[in-house]
Amino acid sequence: MFGWLTRRRIREQVKLVVQNQSALDLLSGWAEGSGSVELSRHVDALRLKNADCARKLPGNKPADTIPLRELLEINSEVRRLFDSTAMRHVHSFDKATEPSMGWPAYLDMRQEIDADD
């Protein structure tokens, strides 16, 4: 009955994982350039946690509360870190982490790929 709502939730959780990964890719270079070993380790730990959460996500249904909450916590942390960099003056966090083709096209492509698997 609410298939559209389920599909939307699935798309949003995929978007969260990808946005976190994109931000962590940006932040890795910044952390390495900062010379702070602690900051680099923190970014690496967030990357591992994001990958672990992504593995826990069911492909065809909304995520359970725990992995989703962890993804939101990671997103909050990477947004905070991004806001402490000079990158924030070039693009907003959302723009900097958006795929070049845009979210709608990216998520449609991912949905097609997942349907083929």
Protein backbone atom coordinates (compact mmCIF):
# COMPACT_ATOMS: atom_id res chain seq x y z
CA MET A 1 0.00 0.00 0.00
CA PHE A 2 2.80 2.43 0.84
CA GLY A 3 5.37 1.09 -1.60
CA TRP A 4 6.40 4.62 -2.58
CA LEU A 5 7.25 5.41 1.03
CA THR A 6 9.36 2.26 1.35
CA ARG A 7 11.21 3.08 -1.89
CA ARG A 8 11.83 6.61 -0.67
CA ARG A 9 13.25 5.39 2.65
CA ILE A 10 15.55 2.98 0.84
CA ARG A 11 16.75 5.75 -1.50
CA GLU A 12 17.40 8.03 1.47
CA GLN A 13 19.48 5.43 3.30
CA VAL A 14 21.55 4.82 0.13
CA LYS A 15 22.00 8.57 -0.19
CA LEU A 16 23.19 8.76 3.42
CA VAL A 17 25.85 6.08 2.91
CA VAL A 18 27.09 7.66 -0.33
CA GLN A 19 27.07 11.18 1.10
CA ASN A 20 29.05 10.03 4.13
CA GLN A 21 31.58 8.24 1.90
CA SER A 22 31.95 11.25 -0.37
CA ALA A 23 32.51 13.55 2.60
CA LEU A 24 35.03 11.14 4.11
CA ASP A 25 36.92 11.07 0.80
CA LEU A 26 37.15 14.87 0.91
CA LEU A 27 38.08 14.91 4.57
CA SER A 28 40.81 12.27 4.18
CA GLY A 29 42.97 14.60 2.11
CA TRP A 30 42.31 17.46 4.48
CA ALA A 31 43.17 15.33 7.53
CA GLU A 32 46.40 14.05 5.96
CA GLY A 33 47.40 17.60 5.03
CA SER A 34 46.74 18.83 8.54
CA GLY A 35 49.56 16.69 9.90
CA SER A 36 47.34 15.49 12.72
CA VAL A 37 47.63 11.73 13.15
CA GLU A 38 44.68 11.80 15.54
CA LEU A 39 42.45 13.52 12.98
CA SER A 40 43.50 11.08 10.25
CA ARG A 41 42.71 8.14 12.52
CA HIS A 42 39.33 9.64 13.38
CA VAL A 43 38.42 10.03 9.69
CA ASP A 44 39.60 6.46 9.00
CA ALA A 45 37.50 5.16 11.90
CA LEU A 46 34.44 6.98 10.53
CA ARG A 47 35.12 5.45 7.09
CA LEU A 48 35.23 1.94 8.58
CA LYS A 49 32.07 2.56 10.59
CA ASN A 50 30.26 3.87 7.49
CA ALA A 51 31.32 0.81 5.48
CA ASP A 52 30.19 -1.49 8.29
CA CYS A 53 26.79 0.22 8.43
CA ALA A 54 26.47 -0.02 4.65
CA ARG A 55 27.04 -3.79 4.84
CA LYS A 56 24.28 -4.10 7.44
CA LEU A 57 21.69 -2.37 5.25
CA PRO A 58 19.18 -4.67 3.61
CA GLY A 59 19.11 -3.95 -0.11
CA ASN A 60 15.38 -4.09 -0.67
CA LYS A 61 13.81 -2.81 2.54
CA PRO A 62 14.29 0.04 5.00
CA ALA A 63 17.11 -0.33 7.50
CA ASP A 64 16.70 -1.23 11.12
CA THR A 65 16.97 1.56 13.64
CA ILE A 66 20.52 0.87 14.83
CA PRO A 67 22.44 1.06 11.51
CA LEU A 68 20.33 4.02 10.44
CA ARG A 69 21.06 5.86 13.68
CA GLU A 70 24.79 5.12 13.27
CA LEU A 71 24.70 6.49 9.70
CA LEU A 72 23.02 9.66 10.94
CA GLU A 73 25.65 10.03 13.68
CA ILE A 74 28.42 9.65 11.09
CA ASN A 75 26.69 12.20 8.87
CA SER A 76 26.47 14.65 11.76
CA GLU A 77 30.17 14.20 12.54
CA VAL A 78 31.36 14.58 8.93
CA ARG A 79 29.21 17.70 8.55
CA ARG A 80 30.85 19.14 11.67
CA LEU A 81 34.32 18.31 10.36
CA PHE A 82 33.50 19.72 6.91
CA ASP A 83 32.36 22.97 8.52
CA SER A 84 35.78 23.29 10.16
CA THR A 85 37.58 23.25 6.78
CA ALA A 86 38.11 25.93 4.15
CA MET A 87 36.03 23.77 1.76
CA ARG A 88 32.90 25.20 3.37
CA HIS A 89 33.66 28.51 1.66
CA VAL A 90 33.63 26.90 -1.80
CA HIS A 91 30.53 24.69 -1.56
CA SER A 92 27.95 23.74 1.00
CA PHE A 93 28.30 20.26 2.46
CA ASP A 94 25.32 19.00 0.46
CA LYS A 95 26.67 20.41 -2.82
CA ALA A 96 30.21 19.16 -2.19
CA THR A 97 29.00 15.60 -1.57
CA GLU A 98 26.45 15.41 -4.38
CA PRO A 99 27.32 13.09 -7.30
CA SER A 100 28.17 14.99 -10.48
CA MET A 101 25.06 13.60 -12.19
CA GLY A 102 22.83 14.76 -9.32
CA TRP A 103 21.04 12.70 -6.70
CA PRO A 104 17.93 11.76 -8.72
CA ALA A 105 19.95 10.33 -11.63
CA TYR A 106 22.46 8.64 -9.31
CA LEU A 107 19.77 7.00 -7.19
CA ASP A 108 17.85 5.88 -10.31
CA MET A 109 21.05 4.30 -11.67
CA ARG A 110 21.73 2.56 -8.33
CA GLN A 111 18.16 1.27 -8.23
CA GLU A 112 18.56 -0.21 -11.72
CA ILE A 113 21.86 -1.86 -10.75
CA ASP A 114 20.39 -3.27 -7.52
CA ALA A 115 17.37 -4.63 -9.45
CA ASP A 116 19.73 -6.51 -11.80
CA ASP A 117 21.52 -8.24 -8.91
